[in-house]
Structure formats: structure tokens, C-alpha cells
């Protein structure tokens, strides 16, 4: 699902809101999560998961084309860990998965 599909679904589920307002709400939430991560904060959405930033140390990599060693600088990458409720919902057995007798 992409952002525009999410906005469309939320607008459809909430007919009392204009689509432009739903789009502004979704953008604001995503911008706040991004800003918090840029500050180094952790963002936790109970039942869904937690966003955090992990540091990857500097290392010597390899140029795949030439094989020459290349210095790769330290970098920060976003990390997402699913919440317990989301994990359980994703791993819940479906009726078609039930054993047949």
C-alpha cells in the first residue's frame, strides 16, 4: 500500500472528513515520526511497533565492479520492530490453515 492508497482508504472509512484533511493528517504523522527519528528519538505506537535509529559503524567495503577496497563512512539507518499485537495478528492461523480430519 502506498501513501495515496492509505489516504483514500482512510477518507473512505471517515466520510465526515475531506480527503485533503485526511492527507494532511497522514502527512503530519509521517513528518513527526521522521523528525523524531532525525533527533535520535524512538517512536512507539502501542500494538503496532517501534521506530528507532541504529548506527552502523565505519568499515572497509568493496567496490563490486572492480573489487577495490572502499572506505564506507559511519551511517544511521531507521529500524522498525513490530509490536506484540501486530506480530500475533500476522501469525494467527487462518481458517484455511486448519488441519483437515
PDB file of N, CA and C in Angstrom:
ATOM      1  N   UNK A   1       0.851  -1.168   0.000  1.00  0.00           N
ATOM      2  CA  UNK A   1       0.000   0.000   0.000  1.00  0.00           C
ATOM      3  C   UNK A   1       0.902   1.238   0.000  1.00  0.00           C
ATOM      4  N   UNK A   2       0.572   2.185  -0.823  1.00  0.00           N
ATOM      5  CA  UNK A   2       1.318   3.431  -0.863  1.00  0.00           C
ATOM      6  C   UNK A   2       0.515   4.520  -0.149  1.00  0.00           C
ATOM      7  N   UNK A   3       1.170   5.662   0.079  1.00  0.00           N
ATOM      8  CA  UNK A   3       0.559   6.725   0.870  1.00  0.00           C
ATOM      9  C   UNK A   3      -0.795   7.166   0.308  1.00  0.00           C
ATOM     10  N   UNK A   4      -0.903   7.324  -1.001  1.00  0.00           N
ATOM     11  CA  UNK A   4      -2.170   7.775  -1.588  1.00  0.00           C
ATOM     12  C   UNK A   4      -3.279   6.745  -1.381  1.00  0.00           C
ATOM     13  N   UNK A   5      -2.942   5.456  -1.402  1.00  0.00           N
ATOM     14  CA  UNK A   5      -3.945   4.410  -1.134  1.00  0.00           C
ATOM     15  C   UNK A   5      -4.389   4.455   0.325  1.00  0.00           C
ATOM     16  N   UNK A   6      -3.442   4.693   1.228  1.00  0.00           N
ATOM     17  CA  UNK A   6      -3.778   4.823   2.646  1.00  0.00           C
ATOM     18  C   UNK A   6      -4.716   6.002   2.868  1.00  0.00           C
ATOM     19  N   UNK A   7      -4.400   7.131   2.250  1.00  0.00           N
ATOM     20  CA  UNK A   7      -5.249   8.317   2.373  1.00  0.00           C
ATOM     21  C   UNK A   7      -6.650   8.023   1.834  1.00  0.00           C
ATOM     22  N   UNK A   8      -6.730   7.367   0.685  1.00  0.00           N
ATOM     23  CA  UNK A   8      -8.032   7.048   0.088  1.00  0.00           C
ATOM     24  C   UNK A   8      -8.847   6.135   0.987  1.00  0.00           C
ATOM     25  N   UNK A   9      -8.206   5.122   1.572  1.00  0.00           N
ATOM     26  CA  UNK A   9      -8.930   4.203   2.467  1.00  0.00           C
ATOM     27  C   UNK A   9      -9.428   4.908   3.722  1.00  0.00           C
ATOM     28  N   UNK A  10      -8.574   5.756   4.294  1.00  0.00           N
ATOM     29  CA  UNK A  10      -8.972   6.474   5.499  1.00  0.00           C
ATOM     30  C   UNK A  10     -10.098   7.461   5.201  1.00  0.00           C
ATOM     31  N   UNK A  11     -10.040   8.123   4.053  1.00  0.00           N
ATOM     32  CA  UNK A  11     -11.094   9.059   3.671  1.00  0.00           C
ATOM     33  C   UNK A  11     -12.407   8.309   3.438  1.00  0.00           C
ATOM     34  N   UNK A  12     -12.308   7.127   2.852  1.00  0.00           N
ATOM     35  CA  UNK A  12     -13.498   6.297   2.607  1.00  0.00           C
ATOM     36  C   UNK A  12     -14.114   5.821   3.925  1.00  0.00           C
ATOM     37  N   UNK A  13     -13.261   5.482   4.888  1.00  0.00           N
ATOM     38  CA  UNK A  13     -13.743   4.992   6.183  1.00  0.00           C
ATOM     39  C   UNK A  13     -14.269   6.124   7.070  1.00  0.00           C
ATOM     40  N   UNK A  14     -13.905   7.358   6.729  1.00  0.00           N
ATOM     41  CA  UNK A  14     -14.326   8.522   7.513  1.00  0.00           C
ATOM     42  C   UNK A  14     -14.961   9.560   6.586  1.00  0.00           C
ATOM     43  N   UNK A  15     -16.191   9.293   6.133  1.00  0.00           N
ATOM     44  CA  UNK A  15     -16.813  10.188   5.152  1.00  0.00           C
ATOM     45  C   UNK A  15     -17.073  11.602   5.679  1.00  0.00           C
ATOM     46  N   UNK A  16     -17.020  11.790   6.981  1.00  0.00           N
ATOM     47  CA  UNK A  16     -17.223  13.119   7.549  1.00  0.00           C
ATOM     48  C   UNK A  16     -15.988  14.012   7.395  1.00  0.00           C
ATOM     49  N   UNK A  17     -14.864  13.439   6.929  1.00  0.00           N
ATOM     50  CA  UNK A  17     -13.631  14.211   6.707  1.00  0.00           C
ATOM     51  C   UNK A  17     -13.384  14.382   5.220  1.00  0.00           C
ATOM     52  N   UNK A  18     -12.874  15.546   4.848  1.00  0.00           N
ATOM     53  CA  UNK A  18     -12.473  15.764   3.459  1.00  0.00           C
ATOM     54  C   UNK A  18     -11.182  15.010   3.194  1.00  0.00           C
ATOM     55  N   UNK A  19     -11.007  14.563   1.946  1.00  0.00           N
ATOM     56  CA  UNK A  19      -9.796  13.816   1.600  1.00  0.00           C
ATOM     57  C   UNK A  19      -8.550  14.673   1.815  1.00  0.00           C
ATOM     58  N   UNK A  20      -8.618  15.953   1.529  1.00  0.00           N
ATOM     59  CA  UNK A  20      -7.446  16.824   1.717  1.00  0.00           C
ATOM     60  C   UNK A  20      -7.064  16.915   3.195  1.00  0.00           C
ATOM     61  N   UNK A  21      -8.067  16.846   4.090  1.00  0.00           N
ATOM     62  CA  UNK A  21      -7.773  16.866   5.522  1.00  0.00           C
ATOM     63  C   UNK A  21      -7.123  15.558   5.961  1.00  0.00           C
ATOM     64  N   UNK A  22      -7.609  14.447   5.433  1.00  0.00           N
ATOM     65  CA  UNK A  22      -7.017  13.142   5.753  1.00  0.00           C
ATOM     66  C   UNK A  22      -5.571  13.111   5.253  1.00  0.00           C
ATOM     67  N   UNK A  23      -5.342  13.634   4.059  1.00  0.00           N
ATOM     68  CA  UNK A  23      -3.986  13.668   3.501  1.00  0.00           C
ATOM     69  C   UNK A  23      -3.065  14.511   4.389  1.00  0.00           C
ATOM     70  N   UNK A  24      -3.574  15.635   4.883  1.00  0.00           N
ATOM     71  CA  UNK A  24      -2.777  16.497   5.769  1.00  0.00           C
ATOM     72  C   UNK A  24      -2.476  15.781   7.083  1.00  0.00           C
ATOM     73  N   UNK A  25      -3.442  15.042   7.614  1.00  0.00           N
ATOM     74  CA  UNK A  25      -3.243  14.300   8.869  1.00  0.00           C
ATOM     75  C   UNK A  25      -2.174  13.228   8.684  1.00  0.00           C
ATOM     76  N   UNK A  26      -2.275  12.449   7.614  1.00  0.00           N
ATOM     77  CA  UNK A  26      -1.299  11.382   7.356  1.00  0.00           C
ATOM     78  C   UNK A  26       0.092  11.977   7.171  1.00  0.00           C
ATOM     79  N   UNK A  27       0.197  13.050   6.393  1.00  0.00           N
ATOM     80  CA  UNK A  27       1.493  13.698   6.171  1.00  0.00           C
ATOM     81  C   UNK A  27       2.078  14.235   7.471  1.00  0.00           C
ATOM     82  N   UNK A  28       1.240  14.825   8.315  1.00  0.00           N
ATOM     83  CA  UNK A  28       1.709  15.360   9.589  1.00  0.00           C
ATOM     84  C   UNK A  28       2.253  14.244  10.481  1.00  0.00           C
ATOM     85  N   UNK A  29       1.543  13.129  10.546  1.00  0.00           N
ATOM     86  CA  UNK A  29       2.001  11.997  11.363  1.00  0.00           C
ATOM     87  C   UNK A  29       3.347  11.485  10.853  1.00  0.00           C
ATOM     88  N   UNK A  30       3.459  11.278   9.554  1.00  0.00           N
ATOM     89  CA  UNK A  30       4.714  10.777   8.988  1.00  0.00           C
ATOM     90  C   UNK A  30       5.849  11.776   9.177  1.00  0.00           C
ATOM     91  N   UNK A  31       5.552  13.075   9.034  1.00  0.00           N
ATOM     92  CA  UNK A  31       6.588  14.086   9.244  1.00  0.00           C
ATOM     93  C   UNK A  31       7.058  14.123  10.688  1.00  0.00           C
ATOM     94  N   UNK A  32       6.138  13.941  11.624  1.00  0.00           N
ATOM     95  CA  UNK A  32       6.515  13.928  13.044  1.00  0.00           C
ATOM     96  C   UNK A  32       7.369  12.709  13.380  1.00  0.00           C
ATOM     97  N   UNK A  33       7.034  11.559  12.816  1.00  0.00           N
ATOM     98  CA  UNK A  33       7.851  10.357  13.030  1.00  0.00           C
ATOM     99  C   UNK A  33       9.246  10.590  12.462  1.00  0.00           C
ATOM    100  N   UNK A  34       9.328  11.157  11.265  1.00  0.00           N
ATOM    101  CA  UNK A  34      10.616  11.432  10.627  1.00  0.00           C
ATOM    102  C   UNK A  34      11.438  12.418  11.452  1.00  0.00           C
ATOM    103  N   UNK A  35      10.793  13.484  11.937  1.00  0.00           N
ATOM    104  CA  UNK A  35      11.501  14.483  12.739  1.00  0.00           C
ATOM    105  C   UNK A  35      12.023  13.876  14.044  1.00  0.00           C
ATOM    106  N   UNK A  36      11.218  13.031  14.671  1.00  0.00           N
ATOM    107  CA  UNK A  36      11.648  12.391  15.919  1.00  0.00           C
ATOM    108  C   UNK A  36      12.850  11.489  15.674  1.00  0.00           C
ATOM    109  N   UNK A  37      12.824  10.734  14.593  1.00  0.00           N
ATOM    110  CA  UNK A  37      13.953   9.862  14.277  1.00  0.00           C
ATOM    111  C   UNK A  37      15.202  10.687  13.957  1.00  0.00           C
ATOM    112  N   UNK A  38      15.025  11.815  13.262  1.00  0.00           N
ATOM    113  CA  UNK A  38      16.159  12.683  12.936  1.00  0.00           C
ATOM    114  C   UNK A  38      16.794  13.246  14.210  1.00  0.00           C
ATOM    115  N   UNK A  39      15.999  13.450  15.268  1.00  0.00           N
ATOM    116  CA  UNK A  39      16.521  13.922  16.558  1.00  0.00           C
ATOM    117  C   UNK A  39      17.153  12.783  17.354  1.00  0.00           C
ATOM    118  N   UNK A  40      16.976  11.556  16.876  1.00  0.00           N
ATOM    119  CA  UNK A  40      17.514  10.407  17.602  1.00  0.00           C
ATOM    120  C   UNK A  40      16.529   9.804  18.588  1.00  0.00           C
ATOM    121  N   UNK A  41      15.282  10.268  18.558  1.00  0.00           N
ATOM    122  CA  UNK A  41      14.256   9.747  19.461  1.00  0.00           C
ATOM    123  C   UNK A  41      13.717   8.414  18.942  1.00  0.00           C
ATOM    124  N   UNK A  42      13.047   7.708  19.818  1.00  0.00           N
ATOM    125  CA  UNK A  42      12.364   6.465  19.481  1.00  0.00           C
ATOM    126  C   UNK A  42      10.881   6.768  19.415  1.00  0.00           C
ATOM    127  N   UNK A  43      10.180   6.201  18.425  1.00  0.00           N
ATOM    128  CA  UNK A  43       8.741   6.420  18.281  1.00  0.00           C
ATOM    129  C   UNK A  43       8.054   5.076  18.462  1.00  0.00           C
ATOM    130  N   UNK A  44       7.193   4.993  19.472  1.00  0.00           N
ATOM    131  CA  UNK A  44       6.491   3.740  19.756  1.00  0.00           C
ATOM    132  C   UNK A  44       4.997   3.928  19.561  1.00  0.00           C
ATOM    133  N   UNK A  45       4.416   3.078  18.741  1.00  0.00           N
ATOM    134  CA  UNK A  45       2.976   3.059  18.524  1.00  0.00           C
ATOM    135  C   UNK A  45       2.475   1.738  19.104  1.00  0.00           C
ATOM    136  N   UNK A  46       1.883   1.789  20.281  1.00  0.00           N
ATOM    137  CA  UNK A  46       1.475   0.579  21.003  1.00  0.00           C
ATOM    138  C   UNK A  46       0.616  -0.316  20.126  1.00  0.00           C
ATOM    139  N   UNK A  47       0.950  -1.596  20.122  1.00  0.00           N
ATOM    140  CA  UNK A  47       0.200  -2.569  19.342  1.00  0.00           C
ATOM    141  C   UNK A  47       0.651  -2.653  17.899  1.00  0.00           C
ATOM    142  N   UNK A  48       1.406  -1.665  17.431  1.00  0.00           N
ATOM    143  CA  UNK A  48       1.878  -1.656  16.042  1.00  0.00           C
ATOM    144  C   UNK A  48       3.367  -1.923  15.979  1.00  0.00           C
ATOM    145  N   UNK A  49       4.159  -1.099  16.655  1.00  0.00           N
ATOM    146  CA  UNK A  49       5.592  -1.300  16.637  1.00  0.00           C
ATOM    147  C   UNK A  49       6.334  -0.058  17.070  1.00  0.00           C
ATOM    148  N   UNK A  50       7.662  -0.141  16.966  1.00  0.00           N
ATOM    149  CA  UNK A  50       8.521   0.961  17.389  1.00  0.00           C
ATOM    150  C   UNK A  50       9.546   1.260  16.304  1.00  0.00           C
ATOM    151  N   UNK A  51       9.701   2.552  16.034  1.00  0.00           N
ATOM    152  CA  UNK A  51      10.710   3.022  15.102  1.00  0.00           C
ATOM    153  C   UNK A  51      11.886   3.553  15.915  1.00  0.00           C
ATOM    154  N   UNK A  52      13.096   3.238  15.497  1.00  0.00           N
ATOM    155  CA  UNK A  52      14.275   3.774  16.150  1.00  0.00           C
ATOM    156  C   UNK A  52      15.366   3.945  15.100  1.00  0.00           C
ATOM    157  N   UNK A  53      16.496   4.490  15.541  1.00  0.00           N
ATOM    158  CA  UNK A  53      17.627   4.706  14.643  1.00  0.00           C
ATOM    159  C   UNK A  53      18.784   3.884  15.158  1.00  0.00           C
ATOM    160  N   UNK A  54      19.420   3.152  14.255  1.00  0.00           N
ATOM    161  CA  UNK A  54      20.594   2.365  14.619  1.00  0.00           C
ATOM    162  C   UNK A  54      21.804   2.925  13.898  1.00  0.00           C
ATOM    163  N   UNK A  55      22.932   2.836  14.560  1.00  0.00           N
ATOM    164  CA  UNK A  55      24.185   3.326  13.991  1.00  0.00           C
ATOM    165  C   UNK A  55      24.938   2.154  13.365  1.00  0.00           C
ATOM    166  N   UNK A  56      25.419   2.364  12.167  1.00  0.00           N
ATOM    167  CA  UNK A  56      26.287   1.374  11.528  1.00  0.00           C
ATOM    168  C   UNK A  56      27.684   1.964  11.495  1.00  0.00           C
ATOM    169  N   UNK A  57      28.648   1.301  12.103  1.00  0.00           N
ATOM    170  CA  UNK A  57      29.997   1.870  12.191  1.00  0.00           C
ATOM    171  C   UNK A  57      30.687   1.938  10.822  1.00  0.00           C
ATOM    172  N   UNK A  58      31.722   2.774  10.761  1.00  0.00           N
ATOM    173  CA  UNK A  58      32.526   2.868   9.546  1.00  0.00           C
ATOM    174  C   UNK A  58      33.197   1.518   9.302  1.00  0.00           C
ATOM    175  N   UNK A  59      33.409   1.207   8.035  1.00  0.00           N
ATOM    176  CA  UNK A  59      34.033  -0.085   7.696  1.00  0.00           C
ATOM    177  C   UNK A  59      34.702   0.018   6.341  1.00  0.00           C
ATOM    178  N   UNK A  60      35.456  -0.996   6.032  1.00  0.00           N
ATOM    179  CA  UNK A  60      36.068  -1.072   4.708  1.00  0.00           C
ATOM    180  C   UNK A  60      35.196  -1.998   3.870  1.00  0.00           C
ATOM    181  N   UNK A  61      34.617  -1.439   2.813  1.00  0.00           N
ATOM    182  CA  UNK A  61      33.772  -2.223   1.918  1.00  0.00           C
ATOM    183  C   UNK A  61      34.542  -2.601   0.672  1.00  0.00           C
ATOM    184  N   UNK A  62      33.831  -3.064  -0.337  1.00  0.00           N
ATOM    185  CA  UNK A  62      34.466  -3.481  -1.581  1.00  0.00           C
ATOM    186  C   UNK A  62      33.637  -2.975  -2.748  1.00  0.00           C
ATOM    187  N   UNK A  63      34.308  -2.373  -3.716  1.00  0.00           N
ATOM    188  CA  UNK A  63      33.644  -1.930  -4.935  1.00  0.00           C
ATOM    189  C   UNK A  63      33.274  -3.183  -5.723  1.00  0.00           C
ATOM    190  N   UNK A  64      31.978  -3.448  -5.957  1.00  0.00           N
ATOM    191  CA  UNK A  64      31.586  -4.695  -6.630  1.00  0.00           C
ATOM    192  C   UNK A  64      32.067  -4.784  -8.081  1.00  0.00           C
ATOM    193  N   UNK A  65      32.288  -3.653  -8.717  1.00  0.00           N
ATOM    194  CA  UNK A  65      32.720  -3.661 -10.114  1.00  0.00           C
ATOM    195  C   UNK A  65      34.206  -3.982 -10.249  1.00  0.00           C
ATOM    196  N   UNK A  66      35.034  -3.339  -9.392  1.00  0.00           N
ATOM    197  CA  UNK A  66      36.487  -3.507  -9.531  1.00  0.00           C
ATOM    198  C   UNK A  66      37.099  -4.402  -8.458  1.00  0.00           C
ATOM    199  N   UNK A  67      36.396  -4.574  -7.343  1.00  0.00           N
ATOM    200  CA  UNK A  67      36.935  -5.376  -6.249  1.00  0.00           C
ATOM    201  C   UNK A  67      37.849  -4.588  -5.332  1.00  0.00           C
ATOM    202  N   UNK A  68      38.074  -3.306  -5.642  1.00  0.00           N
ATOM    203  CA  UNK A  68      38.954  -2.472  -4.822  1.00  0.00           C
ATOM    204  C   UNK A  68      38.309  -2.180  -3.473  1.00  0.00           C
ATOM    205  N   UNK A  69      39.122  -2.102  -2.409  1.00  0.00           N
ATOM    206  CA  UNK A  69      38.568  -1.720  -1.106  1.00  0.00           C
ATOM    207  C   UNK A  69      38.116  -0.259  -1.112  1.00  0.00           C
ATOM    208  N   UNK A  70      37.005   0.021  -0.423  1.00  0.00           N
ATOM    209  CA  UNK A  70      36.438   1.365  -0.352  1.00  0.00           C
ATOM    210  C   UNK A  70      36.080   1.651   1.102  1.00  0.00           C
ATOM    211  N   UNK A  71      36.436   2.860   1.566  1.00  0.00           N
ATOM    212  CA  UNK A  71      36.087   3.238   2.927  1.00  0.00           C
ATOM    213  C   UNK A  71      34.620   3.668   2.964  1.00  0.00           C
ATOM    214  N   UNK A  72      33.813   2.997   3.806  1.00  0.00           N
ATOM    215  CA  UNK A  72      32.395   3.333   3.965  1.00  0.00           C
ATOM    216  C   UNK A  72      32.260   4.050   5.302  1.00  0.00           C
ATOM    217  N   UNK A  73      31.712   5.270   5.277  1.00  0.00           N
ATOM    218  CA  UNK A  73      31.585   6.069   6.492  1.00  0.00           C
ATOM    219  C   UNK A  73      30.496   5.526   7.409  1.00  0.00           C
ATOM    220  N   UNK A  74      30.556   5.942   8.665  1.00  0.00           N
ATOM    221  CA  UNK A  74      29.502   5.599   9.629  1.00  0.00           C
ATOM    222  C   UNK A  74      28.185   6.181   9.127  1.00  0.00           C
ATOM    223  N   UNK A  75      27.104   5.444   9.351  1.00  0.00           N
ATOM    224  CA  UNK A  75      25.803   5.970   8.955  1.00  0.00           C
ATOM    225  C   UNK A  75      24.733   5.509   9.932  1.00  0.00           C
ATOM    226  N   UNK A  76      23.614   6.213   9.876  1.00  0.00           N
ATOM    227  CA  UNK A  76      22.471   5.907  10.726  1.00  0.00           C
ATOM    228  C   UNK A  76      21.343   5.419   9.834  1.00  0.00           C
ATOM    229  N   UNK A  77      20.689   4.349  10.265  1.00  0.00           N
ATOM    230  CA  UNK A  77      19.612   3.763   9.467  1.00  0.00           C
ATOM    231  C   UNK A  77      18.365   3.605  10.334  1.00  0.00           C
ATOM    232  N   UNK A  78      17.185   3.787   9.742  1.00  0.00           N
ATOM    233  CA  UNK A  78      15.952   3.582  10.501  1.00  0.00           C
ATOM    234  C   UNK A  78      15.742   2.091  10.741  1.00  0.00           C
ATOM    235  N   UNK A  79      15.134   1.781  11.874  1.00  0.00           N
ATOM    236  CA  UNK A  79      14.872   0.396  12.253  1.00  0.00           C
ATOM    237  C   UNK A  79      13.451   0.316  12.775  1.00  0.00           C
ATOM    238  N   UNK A  80      12.728  -0.738  12.393  1.00  0.00           N
ATOM    239  CA  UNK A  80      11.356  -0.928  12.847  1.00  0.00           C
ATOM    240  C   UNK A  80      11.240  -2.292  13.507  1.00  0.00           C
ATOM    241  N   UNK A  81      10.689  -2.324  14.697  1.00  0.00           N
ATOM    242  CA  UNK A  81      10.434  -3.575  15.398  1.00  0.00           C
ATOM    243  C   UNK A  81       8.929  -3.683  15.615  1.00  0.00           C
ATOM    244  N   UNK A  82       8.339  -4.788  15.144  1.00  0.00           N
ATOM    245  CA  UNK A  82       6.895  -4.951  15.259  1.00  0.00           C
ATOM    246  C   UNK A  82       6.475  -5.121  16.714  1.00  0.00           C
ATOM    247  N   UNK A  83       5.279  -4.659  17.009  1.00  0.00           N
ATOM    248  CA  UNK A  83       4.702  -4.814  18.336  1.00  0.00           C
ATOM    249  C   UNK A  83       4.092  -6.201  18.479  1.00  0.00           C
ATOM    250  N   UNK A  84       3.835  -6.585  19.711  1.00  0.00           N
ATOM    251  CA  UNK A  84       3.303  -7.912  20.001  1.00  0.00           C
ATOM    252  C   UNK A  84       1.957  -8.155  19.320  1.00  0.00           C
ATOM    253  N   UNK A  85       1.050  -7.184  19.393  1.00  0.00           N
ATOM    254  CA  UNK A  85      -0.282  -7.360  18.785  1.00  0.00           C
ATOM    255  C   UNK A  85      -0.188  -7.559  17.279  1.00  0.00           C
ATOM    256  N   UNK A  86       0.640  -6.776  16.615  1.00  0.00           N
ATOM    257  CA  UNK A  86       0.803  -6.901  15.168  1.00  0.00           C
ATOM    258  C   UNK A  86       1.398  -8.261  14.814  1.00  0.00           C
ATOM    259  N   UNK A  87       2.414  -8.670  15.551  1.00  0.00           N
ATOM    260  CA  UNK A  87       3.055  -9.968  15.310  1.00  0.00           C
ATOM    261  C   UNK A  87       2.056 -11.104  15.483  1.00  0.00           C
ATOM    262  N   UNK A  88       1.250 -11.033  16.555  1.00  0.00           N
ATOM    263  CA  UNK A  88       0.250 -12.085  16.791  1.00  0.00           C
ATOM    264  C   UNK A  88      -0.806 -12.096  15.698  1.00  0.00           C
ATOM    265  N   UNK A  89      -1.218 -10.915  15.255  1.00  0.00           N
ATOM    266  CA  UNK A  89      -2.245 -10.836  14.210  1.00  0.00           C
ATOM    267  C   UNK A  89      -1.726 -11.391  12.885  1.00  0.00           C
ATOM    268  N   UNK A  90      -0.470 -11.133  12.579  1.00  0.00           N
ATOM    269  CA  UNK A  90       0.119 -11.638  11.337  1.00  0.00           C
ATOM    270  C   UNK A  90       0.313 -13.156  11.370  1.00  0.00           C
ATOM    271  N   UNK A  91       0.542 -13.699  12.560  1.00  0.00           N
ATOM    272  CA  UNK A  91       0.825 -15.128  12.688  1.00  0.00           C
ATOM    273  C   UNK A  91      -0.369 -15.944  13.154  1.00  0.00           C
ATOM    274  N   UNK A  92      -1.547 -15.316  13.215  1.00  0.00           N
ATOM    275  CA  UNK A  92      -2.760 -16.017  13.628  1.00  0.00           C
ATOM    276  C   UNK A  92      -3.134 -17.023  12.535  1.00  0.00           C
ATOM    277  N   UNK A  93      -3.417 -18.267  12.903  1.00  0.00           N
ATOM    278  CA  UNK A  93      -3.784 -19.246  11.898  1.00  0.00           C
ATOM    279  C   UNK A  93      -5.075 -18.847  11.183  1.00  0.00           C
ATOM    280  N   UNK A  94      -5.078 -18.978   9.890  1.00  0.00           N
ATOM    281  CA  UNK A  94      -6.244 -18.673   9.068  1.00  0.00           C
ATOM    282  C   UNK A  94      -7.134 -19.919   8.994  1.00  0.00           C
ATOM    283  N   UNK A  95      -8.444 -19.760   8.758  1.00  0.00           N
ATOM    284  CA  UNK A  95      -9.344 -20.923   8.681  1.00  0.00           C
ATOM    285  C   UNK A  95      -8.878 -21.949   7.639  1.00  0.00           C
ATOM    286  N   UNK A  96      -8.249 -21.503   6.549  1.00  0.00           N
ATOM    287  CA  UNK A  96      -7.789 -22.441   5.526  1.00  0.00           C
ATOM    288  C   UNK A  96      -6.544 -23.212   5.967  1.00  0.00           C
ATOM    289  N   UNK A  97      -5.869 -22.734   7.041  1.00  0.00           N
ATOM    290  CA  UNK A  97      -4.664 -23.403   7.550  1.00  0.00           C
ATOM    291  C   UNK A  97      -5.002 -24.523   8.526  1.00  0.00           C
ATOM    292  N   UNK A  98      -6.258 -24.624   8.923  1.00  0.00           N
ATOM    293  CA  UNK A  98      -6.655 -25.620   9.913  1.00  0.00           C
ATOM    294  C   UNK A  98      -6.465 -27.030   9.354  1.00  0.00           C
ATOM    295  N   UNK A  99      -5.980 -27.936  10.191  1.00  0.00           N
ATOM    296  CA  UNK A  99      -5.798 -29.310   9.710  1.00  0.00           C
ATOM    297  C   UNK A  99      -7.145 -29.968   9.394  1.00  0.00           C
ATOM    298  N   UNK A 100      -7.166 -30.763   8.377  1.00  0.00           N
ATOM    299  CA  UNK A 100      -8.389 -31.484   7.998  1.00  0.00           C
ATOM    300  C   UNK A 100      -8.336 -32.882   8.546  1.00  0.00           C
ATOM    301  N   UNK A 101      -9.482 -33.416   8.914  1.00  0.00           N
ATOM    302  CA  UNK A 101      -9.515 -34.761   9.502  1.00  0.00           C
ATOM    303  C   UNK A 101     -10.035 -35.768   8.521  1.00  0.00           C
TER     304      UNK A 101
END
